[in-house]
Amino acid sequence: MAGVSSVAMLGAGTPVVDPTSHNFFGGGGVLEFLQQAMQQLNTHMHADREIQIELWEHIDNLATELCGINEDQKVALDLDPCVKKLLNTRKRVVLVNNILQNTQEQLRRLSYSVAKETAQR
């Protein structure tokens, strides 16, 4: 692959070391590739967590509104199943958020280890 740059683009235009280049295995190319990939994953996970929290808040607001509508109606509407579904969905959103948070923490520790290894070289 003569003439091919050792830098490729990852995701949304983030430059990373090309794993197919000859310099990839020498001079810290692997570590640089991993570090940049982990930084991008961390950014995406952070954005996903923010979206999960926003969804969680919207579910809470909708459940509150449905309960209020149900109490205000003169004709009995059975909105309890809808509220229960919303609360179950909220629990799943919280679970996914916790998984994202734990994964992000593991990624942070791995990134620290890669940075430490890179600094030692």
PDB file of N, CA and C in Angstrom:
ATOM      1  N   MET A   1       0.831  -1.186   0.000  1.00  0.00           N
ATOM      2  CA  MET A   1       0.000   0.000   0.000  1.00  0.00           C
ATOM      3  C   MET A   1       0.871   1.242   0.000  1.00  0.00           C
ATOM      4  N   ALA A   2       1.763   1.307  -0.913  1.00  0.00           N
ATOM      5  CA  ALA A   2       2.646   2.459  -0.994  1.00  0.00           C
ATOM      6  C   ALA A   2       1.856   3.698  -1.331  1.00  0.00           C
ATOM      7  N   GLY A   3       2.223   4.799  -0.704  1.00  0.00           N
ATOM      8  CA  GLY A   3       1.554   6.059  -0.981  1.00  0.00           C
ATOM      9  C   GLY A   3       0.268   6.256  -0.209  1.00  0.00           C
ATOM     10  N   VAL A   4      -0.173   5.268   0.564  1.00  0.00           N
ATOM     11  CA  VAL A   4      -1.396   5.398   1.339  1.00  0.00           C
ATOM     12  C   VAL A   4      -1.038   5.977   2.685  1.00  0.00           C
ATOM     13  N   SER A   5      -1.780   6.961   3.095  1.00  0.00           N
ATOM     14  CA  SER A   5      -1.533   7.612   4.378  1.00  0.00           C
ATOM     15  C   SER A   5      -1.811   6.643   5.507  1.00  0.00           C
ATOM     16  N   SER A   6      -1.081   6.789   6.600  1.00  0.00           N
ATOM     17  CA  SER A   6      -1.321   5.946   7.759  1.00  0.00           C
ATOM     18  C   SER A   6      -2.422   6.504   8.642  1.00  0.00           C
ATOM     19  N   VAL A   7      -3.076   7.571   8.202  1.00  0.00           N
ATOM     20  CA  VAL A   7      -4.171   8.167   8.961  1.00  0.00           C
ATOM     21  C   VAL A   7      -5.460   7.924   8.198  1.00  0.00           C
ATOM     22  N   ALA A   8      -6.471   7.395   8.892  1.00  0.00           N
ATOM     23  CA  ALA A   8      -7.788   7.168   8.303  1.00  0.00           C
ATOM     24  C   ALA A   8      -8.789   7.997   9.082  1.00  0.00           C
ATOM     25  N   MET A   9     -10.041   7.965   8.668  1.00  0.00           N
ATOM     26  CA  MET A   9     -11.088   8.701   9.362  1.00  0.00           C
ATOM     27  C   MET A   9     -11.993   7.709  10.070  1.00  0.00           C
ATOM     28  N   LEU A  10     -12.329   7.989  11.310  1.00  0.00           N
ATOM     29  CA  LEU A  10     -13.197   7.147  12.100  1.00  0.00           C
ATOM     30  C   LEU A  10     -14.450   7.924  12.435  1.00  0.00           C
ATOM     31  N   GLY A  11     -15.622   7.340  12.151  1.00  0.00           N
ATOM     32  CA  GLY A  11     -16.891   7.954  12.522  1.00  0.00           C
ATOM     33  C   GLY A  11     -17.082   9.301  11.885  1.00  0.00           C
ATOM     34  N   ALA A  12     -17.327  10.307  12.699  1.00  0.00           N
ATOM     35  CA  ALA A  12     -17.685  11.642  12.221  1.00  0.00           C
ATOM     36  C   ALA A  12     -16.443  12.474  11.907  1.00  0.00           C
ATOM     37  N   GLY A  13     -15.541  11.926  11.104  1.00  0.00           N
ATOM     38  CA  GLY A  13     -14.391  12.696  10.662  1.00  0.00           C
ATOM     39  C   GLY A  13     -13.249  12.754  11.645  1.00  0.00           C
ATOM     40  N   THR A  14     -13.220  11.864  12.627  1.00  0.00           N
ATOM     41  CA  THR A  14     -12.130  11.839  13.585  1.00  0.00           C
ATOM     42  C   THR A  14     -10.966  11.080  12.970  1.00  0.00           C
ATOM     43  N   PRO A  15      -9.799  11.716  12.817  1.00  0.00           N
ATOM     44  CA  PRO A  15      -8.675  11.005  12.220  1.00  0.00           C
ATOM     45  C   PRO A  15      -8.104   9.981  13.183  1.00  0.00           C
ATOM     46  N   VAL A  16      -7.799   8.809  12.659  1.00  0.00           N
ATOM     47  CA  VAL A  16      -7.161   7.760  13.449  1.00  0.00           C
ATOM     48  C   VAL A  16      -6.093   7.110  12.600  1.00  0.00           C
ATOM     49  N   VAL A  17      -5.217   6.389  13.260  1.00  0.00           N
ATOM     50  CA  VAL A  17      -4.163   5.680  12.552  1.00  0.00           C
ATOM     51  C   VAL A  17      -4.794   4.539  11.763  1.00  0.00           C
ATOM     52  N   ASP A  18      -4.372   4.365  10.515  1.00  0.00           N
ATOM     53  CA  ASP A  18      -4.883   3.305   9.660  1.00  0.00           C
ATOM     54  C   ASP A  18      -4.246   1.983  10.078  1.00  0.00           C
ATOM     55  N   PRO A  19      -5.068   1.002  10.513  1.00  0.00           N
ATOM     56  CA  PRO A  19      -4.493  -0.261  10.979  1.00  0.00           C
ATOM     57  C   PRO A  19      -3.860  -1.081   9.866  1.00  0.00           C
ATOM     58  N   THR A  20      -4.044  -0.715   8.589  1.00  0.00           N
ATOM     59  CA  THR A  20      -3.450  -1.466   7.494  1.00  0.00           C
ATOM     60  C   THR A  20      -2.089  -0.921   7.084  1.00  0.00           C
ATOM     61  N   SER A  21      -1.682   0.203   7.658  1.00  0.00           N
ATOM     62  CA  SER A  21      -0.408   0.791   7.256  1.00  0.00           C
ATOM     63  C   SER A  21       0.752   0.037   7.899  1.00  0.00           C
ATOM     64  N   HIS A  22       1.941   0.190   7.312  1.00  0.00           N
ATOM     65  CA  HIS A  22       3.132  -0.481   7.817  1.00  0.00           C
ATOM     66  C   HIS A  22       3.573   0.092   9.161  1.00  0.00           C
ATOM     67  N   ASN A  23       3.289   1.349   9.415  1.00  0.00           N
ATOM     68  CA  ASN A  23       3.713   2.002  10.657  1.00  0.00           C
ATOM     69  C   ASN A  23       2.762   1.734  11.814  1.00  0.00           C
ATOM     70  N   PHE A  24       1.700   0.999  11.569  1.00  0.00           N
ATOM     71  CA  PHE A  24       0.675   0.781  12.592  1.00  0.00           C
ATOM     72  C   PHE A  24       1.238   0.052  13.813  1.00  0.00           C
ATOM     73  N   PHE A  25       2.033  -0.985  13.583  1.00  0.00           N
ATOM     74  CA  PHE A  25       2.525  -1.786  14.696  1.00  0.00           C
ATOM     75  C   PHE A  25       3.791  -1.213  15.331  1.00  0.00           C
ATOM     76  N   GLY A  26       4.441  -0.314  14.658  1.00  0.00           N
ATOM     77  CA  GLY A  26       5.639   0.303  15.215  1.00  0.00           C
ATOM     78  C   GLY A  26       5.343   1.720  15.657  1.00  0.00           C
ATOM     79  N   GLY A  27       6.092   2.198  16.589  1.00  0.00           N
ATOM     80  CA  GLY A  27       5.990   3.589  17.009  1.00  0.00           C
ATOM     81  C   GLY A  27       4.699   3.936  17.729  1.00  0.00           C
ATOM     82  N   GLY A  28       4.053   2.979  18.372  1.00  0.00           N
ATOM     83  CA  GLY A  28       2.849   3.278  19.148  1.00  0.00           C
ATOM     84  C   GLY A  28       1.578   3.422  18.328  1.00  0.00           C
ATOM     85  N   GLY A  29       1.586   2.955  17.086  1.00  0.00           N
ATOM     86  CA  GLY A  29       0.406   3.082  16.231  1.00  0.00           C
ATOM     87  C   GLY A  29      -0.813   2.394  16.796  1.00  0.00           C
ATOM     88  N   VAL A  30      -0.616   1.204  17.358  1.00  0.00           N
ATOM     89  CA  VAL A  30      -1.736   0.455  17.933  1.00  0.00           C
ATOM     90  C   VAL A  30      -2.322   1.223  19.109  1.00  0.00           C
ATOM     91  N   LEU A  31      -1.444   1.701  19.956  1.00  0.00           N
ATOM     92  CA  LEU A  31      -1.924   2.426  21.137  1.00  0.00           C
ATOM     93  C   LEU A  31      -2.620   3.720  20.740  1.00  0.00           C
ATOM     94  N   GLU A  32      -2.079   4.409  19.758  1.00  0.00           N
ATOM     95  CA  GLU A  32      -2.701   5.648  19.298  1.00  0.00           C
ATOM     96  C   GLU A  32      -4.084   5.359  18.699  1.00  0.00           C
ATOM     97  N   PHE A  33      -4.160   4.299  17.920  1.00  0.00           N
ATOM     98  CA  PHE A  33      -5.439   3.896  17.329  1.00  0.00           C
ATOM     99  C   PHE A  33      -6.467   3.590  18.416  1.00  0.00           C
ATOM    100  N   LEU A  34      -6.049   2.802  19.410  1.00  0.00           N
ATOM    101  CA  LEU A  34      -6.959   2.452  20.499  1.00  0.00           C
ATOM    102  C   LEU A  34      -7.384   3.673  21.294  1.00  0.00           C
ATOM    103  N   GLN A  35      -6.448   4.552  21.571  1.00  0.00           N
ATOM    104  CA  GLN A  35      -6.768   5.736  22.358  1.00  0.00           C
ATOM    105  C   GLN A  35      -7.772   6.626  21.629  1.00  0.00           C
ATOM    106  N   GLN A  36      -7.559   6.833  20.340  1.00  0.00           N
ATOM    107  CA  GLN A  36      -8.479   7.676  19.578  1.00  0.00           C
ATOM    108  C   GLN A  36      -9.852   7.017  19.446  1.00  0.00           C
ATOM    109  N   ALA A  37      -9.874   5.708  19.241  1.00  0.00           N
ATOM    110  CA  ALA A  37     -11.155   4.999  19.149  1.00  0.00           C
ATOM    111  C   ALA A  37     -11.894   5.067  20.475  1.00  0.00           C
ATOM    112  N   MET A  38     -11.171   4.942  21.578  1.00  0.00           N
ATOM    113  CA  MET A  38     -11.809   5.017  22.893  1.00  0.00           C
ATOM    114  C   MET A  38     -12.341   6.415  23.179  1.00  0.00           C
ATOM    115  N   GLN A  39     -11.617   7.433  22.741  1.00  0.00           N
ATOM    116  CA  GLN A  39     -12.099   8.805  22.945  1.00  0.00           C
ATOM    117  C   GLN A  39     -13.406   9.025  22.183  1.00  0.00           C
ATOM    118  N   GLN A  40     -13.479   8.506  20.974  1.00  0.00           N
ATOM    119  CA  GLN A  40     -14.701   8.678  20.201  1.00  0.00           C
ATOM    120  C   GLN A  40     -15.854   7.878  20.818  1.00  0.00           C
ATOM    121  N   LEU A  41     -15.571   6.661  21.269  1.00  0.00           N
ATOM    122  CA  LEU A  41     -16.600   5.878  21.944  1.00  0.00           C
ATOM    123  C   LEU A  41     -17.102   6.594  23.191  1.00  0.00           C
ATOM    124  N   ASN A  42     -16.188   7.172  23.939  1.00  0.00           N
ATOM    125  CA  ASN A  42     -16.563   7.906  25.146  1.00  0.00           C
ATOM    126  C   ASN A  42     -17.481   9.077  24.810  1.00  0.00           C
ATOM    127  N   THR A  43     -17.167   9.790  23.736  1.00  0.00           N
ATOM    128  CA  THR A  43     -18.002  10.915  23.316  1.00  0.00           C
ATOM    129  C   THR A  43     -19.410  10.447  22.952  1.00  0.00           C
ATOM    130  N   HIS A  44     -19.490   9.362  22.189  1.00  0.00           N
ATOM    131  CA  HIS A  44     -20.800   8.840  21.785  1.00  0.00           C
ATOM    132  C   HIS A  44     -21.578   8.317  22.990  1.00  0.00           C
ATOM    133  N   MET A  45     -20.897   7.652  23.908  1.00  0.00           N
ATOM    134  CA  MET A  45     -21.589   7.128  25.087  1.00  0.00           C
ATOM    135  C   MET A  45     -22.107   8.267  25.958  1.00  0.00           C
ATOM    136  N   HIS A  46     -21.341   9.327  26.066  1.00  0.00           N
ATOM    137  CA  HIS A  46     -21.787  10.475  26.857  1.00  0.00           C
ATOM    138  C   HIS A  46     -23.053  11.076  26.241  1.00  0.00           C
ATOM    139  N   ALA A  47     -23.063  11.215  24.915  1.00  0.00           N
ATOM    140  CA  ALA A  47     -24.250  11.747  24.224  1.00  0.00           C
ATOM    141  C   ALA A  47     -25.440  10.813  24.410  1.00  0.00           C
ATOM    142  N   ASP A  48     -25.210   9.510  24.344  1.00  0.00           N
ATOM    143  CA  ASP A  48     -26.296   8.545  24.541  1.00  0.00           C
ATOM    144  C   ASP A  48     -26.867   8.632  25.954  1.00  0.00           C
ATOM    145  N   ARG A  49     -25.994   8.806  26.942  1.00  0.00           N
ATOM    146  CA  ARG A  49     -26.466   8.931  28.321  1.00  0.00           C
ATOM    147  C   ARG A  49     -27.329  10.173  28.491  1.00  0.00           C
ATOM    148  N   GLU A  50     -26.927  11.278  27.863  1.00  0.00           N
ATOM    149  CA  GLU A  50     -27.729  12.497  27.957  1.00  0.00           C
ATOM    150  C   GLU A  50     -29.111  12.286  27.334  1.00  0.00           C
ATOM    151  N   ILE A  51     -29.166  11.592  26.214  1.00  0.00           N
ATOM    152  CA  ILE A  51     -30.447  11.308  25.565  1.00  0.00           C
ATOM    153  C   ILE A  51     -31.294  10.400  26.448  1.00  0.00           C
ATOM    154  N   GLN A  52     -30.663   9.414  27.082  1.00  0.00           N
ATOM    155  CA  GLN A  52     -31.395   8.506  27.978  1.00  0.00           C
ATOM    156  C   GLN A  52     -32.002   9.283  29.151  1.00  0.00           C
ATOM    157  N   ILE A  53     -31.249  10.205  29.708  1.00  0.00           N
ATOM    158  CA  ILE A  53     -31.755  10.996  30.832  1.00  0.00           C
ATOM    159  C   ILE A  53     -32.924  11.873  30.380  1.00  0.00           C
ATOM    160  N   GLU A  54     -32.812  12.465  29.205  1.00  0.00           N
ATOM    161  CA  GLU A  54     -33.897  13.282  28.667  1.00  0.00           C
ATOM    162  C   GLU A  54     -35.153  12.432  28.438  1.00  0.00           C
ATOM    163  N   LEU A  55     -34.973  11.247  27.890  1.00  0.00           N
ATOM    164  CA  LEU A  55     -36.102  10.332  27.682  1.00  0.00           C
ATOM    165  C   LEU A  55     -36.736   9.958  29.011  1.00  0.00           C
ATOM    166  N   TRP A  56     -35.930   9.687  30.003  1.00  0.00           N
ATOM    167  CA  TRP A  56     -36.397   9.344  31.337  1.00  0.00           C
ATOM    168  C   TRP A  56     -37.273  10.473  31.880  1.00  0.00           C
ATOM    169  N   GLU A  57     -36.827  11.720  31.741  1.00  0.00           N
ATOM    170  CA  GLU A  57     -37.599  12.861  32.228  1.00  0.00           C
ATOM    171  C   GLU A  57     -38.927  13.008  31.479  1.00  0.00           C
ATOM    172  N   HIS A  58     -38.910  12.791  30.161  1.00  0.00           N
ATOM    173  CA  HIS A  58     -40.149  12.874  29.374  1.00  0.00           C
ATOM    174  C   HIS A  58     -41.138  11.791  29.791  1.00  0.00           C
ATOM    175  N   ILE A  59     -40.634  10.607  30.076  1.00  0.00           N
ATOM    176  CA  ILE A  59     -41.519   9.515  30.523  1.00  0.00           C
ATOM    177  C   ILE A  59     -42.150   9.876  31.862  1.00  0.00           C
ATOM    178  N   ASP A  60     -41.358  10.425  32.778  1.00  0.00           N
ATOM    179  CA  ASP A  60     -41.897  10.847  34.076  1.00  0.00           C
ATOM    180  C   ASP A  60     -42.983  11.905  33.905  1.00  0.00           C
ATOM    181  N   ASN A  61     -42.723  12.899  33.044  1.00  0.00           N
ATOM    182  CA  ASN A  61     -43.702  13.961  32.814  1.00  0.00           C
ATOM    183  C   ASN A  61     -44.980  13.409  32.202  1.00  0.00           C
ATOM    184  N   LEU A  62     -44.845  12.509  31.231  1.00  0.00           N
ATOM    185  CA  LEU A  62     -46.019  11.924  30.589  1.00  0.00           C
ATOM    186  C   LEU A  62     -46.825  11.089  31.576  1.00  0.00           C
ATOM    187  N   ALA A  63     -46.158  10.314  32.405  1.00  0.00           N
ATOM    188  CA  ALA A  63     -46.856   9.515  33.411  1.00  0.00           C
ATOM    189  C   ALA A  63     -47.619  10.410  34.386  1.00  0.00           C
ATOM    190  N   THR A  64     -46.993  11.515  34.792  1.00  0.00           N
ATOM    191  CA  THR A  64     -47.651  12.467  35.694  1.00  0.00           C
ATOM    192  C   THR A  64     -48.880  13.080  35.028  1.00  0.00           C
ATOM    193  N   GLU A  65     -48.732  13.477  33.768  1.00  0.00           N
ATOM    194  CA  GLU A  65     -49.857  14.060  33.024  1.00  0.00           C
ATOM    195  C   GLU A  65     -51.005  13.057  32.880  1.00  0.00           C
ATOM    196  N   LEU A  66     -50.681  11.799  32.570  1.00  0.00           N
ATOM    197  CA  LEU A  66     -51.728  10.785  32.424  1.00  0.00           C
ATOM    198  C   LEU A  66     -52.456  10.550  33.745  1.00  0.00           C
ATOM    199  N   CYS A  67     -51.727  10.533  34.832  1.00  0.00           N
ATOM    200  CA  CYS A  67     -52.366  10.377  36.146  1.00  0.00           C
ATOM    201  C   CYS A  67     -53.281  11.562  36.434  1.00  0.00           C
ATOM    202  N   GLY A  68     -52.824  12.776  36.113  1.00  0.00           N
ATOM    203  CA  GLY A  68     -53.642  13.976  36.323  1.00  0.00           C
ATOM    204  C   GLY A  68     -54.892  13.960  35.460  1.00  0.00           C
ATOM    205  N   ILE A  69     -54.764  13.560  34.222  1.00  0.00           N
ATOM    206  CA  ILE A  69     -55.925  13.470  33.327  1.00  0.00           C
ATOM    207  C   ILE A  69     -56.908  12.440  33.854  1.00  0.00           C
ATOM    208  N   ASN A  70     -56.397  11.329  34.295  1.00  0.00           N
ATOM    209  CA  ASN A  70     -57.247  10.262  34.812  1.00  0.00           C
ATOM    210  C   ASN A  70     -58.027  10.724  36.043  1.00  0.00           C
ATOM    211  N   GLU A  71     -57.403  11.514  36.911  1.00  0.00           N
ATOM    212  CA  GLU A  71     -58.072  12.004  38.115  1.00  0.00           C
ATOM    213  C   GLU A  71     -59.096  13.086  37.791  1.00  0.00           C
ATOM    214  N   ASP A  72     -58.833  13.911  36.759  1.00  0.00           N
ATOM    215  CA  ASP A  72     -59.710  15.021  36.398  1.00  0.00           C
ATOM    216  C   ASP A  72     -60.933  14.602  35.581  1.00  0.00           C
ATOM    217  N   GLN A  73     -60.911  13.450  34.985  1.00  0.00           N
ATOM    218  CA  GLN A  73     -62.007  13.024  34.110  1.00  0.00           C
ATOM    219  C   GLN A  73     -63.240  12.635  34.922  1.00  0.00           C
ATOM    220  N   LYS A  74     -64.397  13.095  34.437  1.00  0.00           N
ATOM    221  CA  LYS A  74     -65.652  12.708  35.067  1.00  0.00           C
ATOM    222  C   LYS A  74     -66.016  11.285  34.666  1.00  0.00           C
ATOM    223  N   VAL A  75     -65.669  10.943  33.435  1.00  0.00           N
ATOM    224  CA  VAL A  75     -65.875   9.580  32.965  1.00  0.00           C
ATOM    225  C   VAL A  75     -64.602   8.815  33.280  1.00  0.00           C
ATOM    226  N   ALA A  76     -64.768   7.662  33.858  1.00  0.00           N
ATOM    227  CA  ALA A  76     -63.598   6.887  34.259  1.00  0.00           C
ATOM    228  C   ALA A  76     -62.859   6.347  33.034  1.00  0.00           C
ATOM    229  N   LEU A  77     -61.640   6.805  32.880  1.00  0.00           N
ATOM    230  CA  LEU A  77     -60.758   6.265  31.841  1.00  0.00           C
ATOM    231  C   LEU A  77     -59.751   5.367  32.532  1.00  0.00           C
ATOM    232  N   ASP A  78     -59.524   4.239  31.938  1.00  0.00           N
ATOM    233  CA  ASP A  78     -58.561   3.314  32.537  1.00  0.00           C
ATOM    234  C   ASP A  78     -57.195   3.542  31.910  1.00  0.00           C
ATOM    235  N   LEU A  79     -56.481   4.517  32.474  1.00  0.00           N
ATOM    236  CA  LEU A  79     -55.148   4.834  31.976  1.00  0.00           C
ATOM    237  C   LEU A  79     -54.059   4.121  32.769  1.00  0.00           C
ATOM    238  N   ASP A  80     -54.462   3.356  33.762  1.00  0.00           N
ATOM    239  CA  ASP A  80     -53.467   2.660  34.581  1.00  0.00           C
ATOM    240  C   ASP A  80     -52.552   1.749  33.762  1.00  0.00           C
ATOM    241  N   PRO A  81     -53.084   0.996  32.789  1.00  0.00           N
ATOM    242  CA  PRO A  81     -52.164   0.162  31.987  1.00  0.00           C
ATOM    243  C   PRO A  81     -51.128   1.010  31.226  1.00  0.00           C
ATOM    244  N   CYS A  82     -51.551   2.176  30.736  1.00  0.00           N
ATOM    245  CA  CYS A  82     -50.610   3.054  30.027  1.00  0.00           C
ATOM    246  C   CYS A  82     -49.536   3.570  30.976  1.00  0.00           C
ATOM    247  N   VAL A  83     -49.954   3.954  32.161  1.00  0.00           N
ATOM    248  CA  VAL A  83     -48.997   4.457  33.151  1.00  0.00           C
ATOM    249  C   VAL A  83     -48.029   3.340  33.545  1.00  0.00           C
ATOM    250  N   LYS A  84     -48.536   2.124  33.717  1.00  0.00           N
ATOM    251  CA  LYS A  84     -47.669   0.999  34.077  1.00  0.00           C
ATOM    252  C   LYS A  84     -46.655   0.717  32.970  1.00  0.00           C
ATOM    253  N   LYS A  85     -47.098   0.794  31.722  1.00  0.00           N
ATOM    254  CA  LYS A  85     -46.177   0.584  30.602  1.00  0.00           C
ATOM    255  C   LYS A  85     -45.099   1.667  30.581  1.00  0.00           C
ATOM    256  N   LEU A  86     -45.514   2.901  30.836  1.00  0.00           N
ATOM    257  CA  LEU A  86     -44.538   3.994  30.877  1.00  0.00           C
ATOM    258  C   LEU A  86     -43.521   3.793  31.998  1.00  0.00           C
ATOM    259  N   LEU A  87     -43.999   3.366  33.153  1.00  0.00           N
ATOM    260  CA  LEU A  87     -43.084   3.146  34.274  1.00  0.00           C
ATOM    261  C   LEU A  87     -42.140   1.979  34.012  1.00  0.00           C
ATOM    262  N   ASN A  88     -42.646   0.941  33.333  1.00  0.00           N
ATOM    263  CA  ASN A  88     -41.766  -0.176  32.962  1.00  0.00           C
ATOM    264  C   ASN A  88     -40.719   0.283  31.947  1.00  0.00           C
ATOM    265  N   THR A  89     -41.140   1.130  31.022  1.00  0.00           N
ATOM    266  CA  THR A  89     -40.202   1.675  30.040  1.00  0.00           C
ATOM    267  C   THR A  89     -39.158   2.527  30.739  1.00  0.00           C
ATOM    268  N   ARG A  90     -39.598   3.304  31.709  1.00  0.00           N
ATOM    269  CA  ARG A  90     -38.672   4.137  32.472  1.00  0.00           C
ATOM    270  C   ARG A  90     -37.630   3.273  33.172  1.00  0.00           C
ATOM    271  N   LYS A  91     -38.056   2.148  33.753  1.00  0.00           N
ATOM    272  CA  LYS A  91     -37.114   1.249  34.421  1.00  0.00           C
ATOM    273  C   LYS A  91     -36.069   0.727  33.437  1.00  0.00           C
ATOM    274  N   ARG A  92     -36.523   0.405  32.226  1.00  0.00           N
ATOM    275  CA  ARG A  92     -35.574  -0.081  31.213  1.00  0.00           C
ATOM    276  C   ARG A  92     -34.602   1.017  30.793  1.00  0.00           C
ATOM    277  N   VAL A  93     -35.110   2.242  30.696  1.00  0.00           N
ATOM    278  CA  VAL A  93     -34.230   3.368  30.342  1.00  0.00           C
ATOM    279  C   VAL A  93     -33.179   3.559  31.432  1.00  0.00           C
ATOM    280  N   VAL A  94     -33.585   3.452  32.682  1.00  0.00           N
ATOM    281  CA  VAL A  94     -32.637   3.583  33.794  1.00  0.00           C
ATOM    282  C   VAL A  94     -31.602   2.458  33.732  1.00  0.00           C
ATOM    283  N   LEU A  95     -32.047   1.249  33.411  1.00  0.00           N
ATOM    284  CA  LEU A  95     -31.131   0.123  33.305  1.00  0.00           C
ATOM    285  C   LEU A  95     -30.105   0.354  32.193  1.00  0.00           C
ATOM    286  N   VAL A  96     -30.570   0.804  31.032  1.00  0.00           N
ATOM    287  CA  VAL A  96     -29.657   1.092  29.919  1.00  0.00           C
ATOM    288  C   VAL A  96     -28.698   2.214  30.306  1.00  0.00           C
ATOM    289  N   ASN A  97     -29.204   3.216  30.991  1.00  0.00           N
ATOM    290  CA  ASN A  97     -28.352   4.316  31.436  1.00  0.00           C
ATOM    291  C   ASN A  97     -27.259   3.814  32.381  1.00  0.00           C
ATOM    292  N   ASN A  98     -27.612   2.922  33.291  1.00  0.00           N
ATOM    293  CA  ASN A  98     -26.620   2.362  34.209  1.00  0.00           C
ATOM    294  C   ASN A  98     -25.571   1.542  33.460  1.00  0.00           C
ATOM    295  N   ILE A  99     -26.013   0.777  32.469  1.00  0.00           N
ATOM    296  CA  ILE A  99     -25.078  -0.004  31.662  1.00  0.00           C
ATOM    297  C   ILE A  99     -24.125   0.931  30.919  1.00  0.00           C
ATOM    298  N   LEU A 100     -24.671   1.999  30.328  1.00  0.00           N
ATOM    299  CA  LEU A 100     -23.824   2.970  29.631  1.00  0.00           C
ATOM    300  C   LEU A 100     -22.826   3.615  30.581  1.00  0.00           C
ATOM    301  N   GLN A 101     -23.277   3.944  31.775  1.00  0.00           N
ATOM    302  CA  GLN A 101     -22.403   4.586  32.753  1.00  0.00           C
ATOM    303  C   GLN A 101     -21.269   3.642  33.161  1.00  0.00           C
ATOM    304  N   ASN A 102     -21.593   2.380  33.408  1.00  0.00           N
ATOM    305  CA  ASN A 102     -20.559   1.411  33.784  1.00  0.00           C
ATOM    306  C   ASN A 102     -19.579   1.172  32.638  1.00  0.00           C
ATOM    307  N   THR A 103     -20.103   1.085  31.427  1.00  0.00           N
ATOM    308  CA  THR A 103     -19.246   0.883  30.260  1.00  0.00           C
ATOM    309  C   THR A 103     -18.342   2.085  30.047  1.00  0.00           C
ATOM    310  N   GLN A 104     -18.885   3.270  30.248  1.00  0.00           N
ATOM    311  CA  GLN A 104     -18.081   4.480  30.092  1.00  0.00           C
ATOM    312  C   GLN A 104     -16.966   4.523  31.133  1.00  0.00           C
ATOM    313  N   GLU A 105     -17.239   4.078  32.336  1.00  0.00           N
ATOM    314  CA  GLU A 105     -16.211   4.045  33.375  1.00  0.00           C
ATOM    315  C   GLU A 105     -15.117   3.043  33.009  1.00  0.00           C
ATOM    316  N   GLN A 106     -15.500   1.884  32.491  1.00  0.00           N
ATOM    317  CA  GLN A 106     -14.509   0.901  32.058  1.00  0.00           C
ATOM    318  C   GLN A 106     -13.674   1.459  30.913  1.00  0.00           C
ATOM    319  N   LEU A 107     -14.319   2.147  29.995  1.00  0.00           N
ATOM    320  CA  LEU A 107     -13.620   2.761  28.873  1.00  0.00           C
ATOM    321  C   LEU A 107     -12.647   3.833  29.361  1.00  0.00           C
ATOM    322  N   ARG A 108     -13.048   4.596  30.362  1.00  0.00           N
ATOM    323  CA  ARG A 108     -12.170   5.613  30.931  1.00  0.00           C
ATOM    324  C   ARG A 108     -10.924   4.976  31.539  1.00  0.00           C
ATOM    325  N   ARG A 109     -11.121   3.878  32.264  1.00  0.00           N
ATOM    326  CA  ARG A 109      -9.971   3.196  32.870  1.00  0.00           C
ATOM    327  C   ARG A 109      -9.046   2.619  31.797  1.00  0.00           C
ATOM    328  N   LEU A 110      -9.637   2.049  30.750  1.00  0.00           N
ATOM    329  CA  LEU A 110      -8.838   1.502  29.661  1.00  0.00           C
ATOM    330  C   LEU A 110      -8.077   2.612  28.936  1.00  0.00           C
ATOM    331  N   SER A 111      -8.733   3.732  28.725  1.00  0.00           N
ATOM    332  CA  SER A 111      -8.085   4.876  28.087  1.00  0.00           C
ATOM    333  C   SER A 111      -6.919   5.370  28.926  1.00  0.00           C
ATOM    334  N   TYR A 112      -7.097   5.395  30.223  1.00  0.00           N
ATOM    335  CA  TYR A 112      -6.016   5.803  31.124  1.00  0.00           C
ATOM    336  C   TYR A 112      -4.838   4.845  30.995  1.00  0.00           C
ATOM    337  N   SER A 113      -5.124   3.543  30.936  1.00  0.00           N
ATOM    338  CA  SER A 113      -4.064   2.557  30.802  1.00  0.00           C
ATOM    339  C   SER A 113      -3.309   2.708  29.487  1.00  0.00           C
ATOM    340  N   VAL A 114      -4.047   2.971  28.412  1.00  0.00           N
ATOM    341  CA  VAL A 114      -3.413   3.173  27.105  1.00  0.00           C
ATOM    342  C   VAL A 114      -2.553   4.432  27.125  1.00  0.00           C
ATOM    343  N   ALA A 115      -3.064   5.498  27.719  1.00  0.00           N
ATOM    344  CA  ALA A 115      -2.295   6.745  27.803  1.00  0.00           C
ATOM    345  C   ALA A 115      -1.027   6.541  28.636  1.00  0.00           C
ATOM    346  N   LYS A 116      -1.152   5.787  29.693  1.00  0.00           N
ATOM    347  CA  LYS A 116       0.008   5.507  30.546  1.00  0.00           C
ATOM    348  C   LYS A 116       1.044   4.694  29.775  1.00  0.00           C
ATOM    349  N   GLU A 117       0.591   3.687  29.048  1.00  0.00           N
ATOM    350  CA  GLU A 117       1.497   2.865  28.240  1.00  0.00           C
ATOM    351  C   GLU A 117       2.164   3.692  27.142  1.00  0.00           C
ATOM    352  N   THR A 118       1.391   4.571  26.520  1.00  0.00           N
ATOM    353  CA  THR A 118       1.935   5.444  25.477  1.00  0.00           C
ATOM    354  C   THR A 118       2.996   6.373  26.051  1.00  0.00           C
ATOM    355  N   ALA A 119       2.741   6.893  27.231  1.00  0.00           N
ATOM    356  CA  ALA A 119       3.704   7.809  27.872  1.00  0.00           C
ATOM    357  C   ALA A 119       4.991   7.095  28.235  1.00  0.00           C
ATOM    358  N   GLN A 120       4.894   5.823  28.593  1.00  0.00           N
ATOM    359  CA  GLN A 120       6.088   5.064  28.951  1.00  0.00           C
ATOM    360  C   GLN A 120       6.958   4.802  27.739  1.00  0.00           C
ATOM    361  N   ARG A 121       6.353   4.730  26.562  1.00  0.00           N
ATOM    362  CA  ARG A 121       7.125   4.487  25.331  1.00  0.00           C
ATOM    363  C   ARG A 121       7.678   5.779  24.888  1.00  0.00           C
TER     364      ARG A 121
END
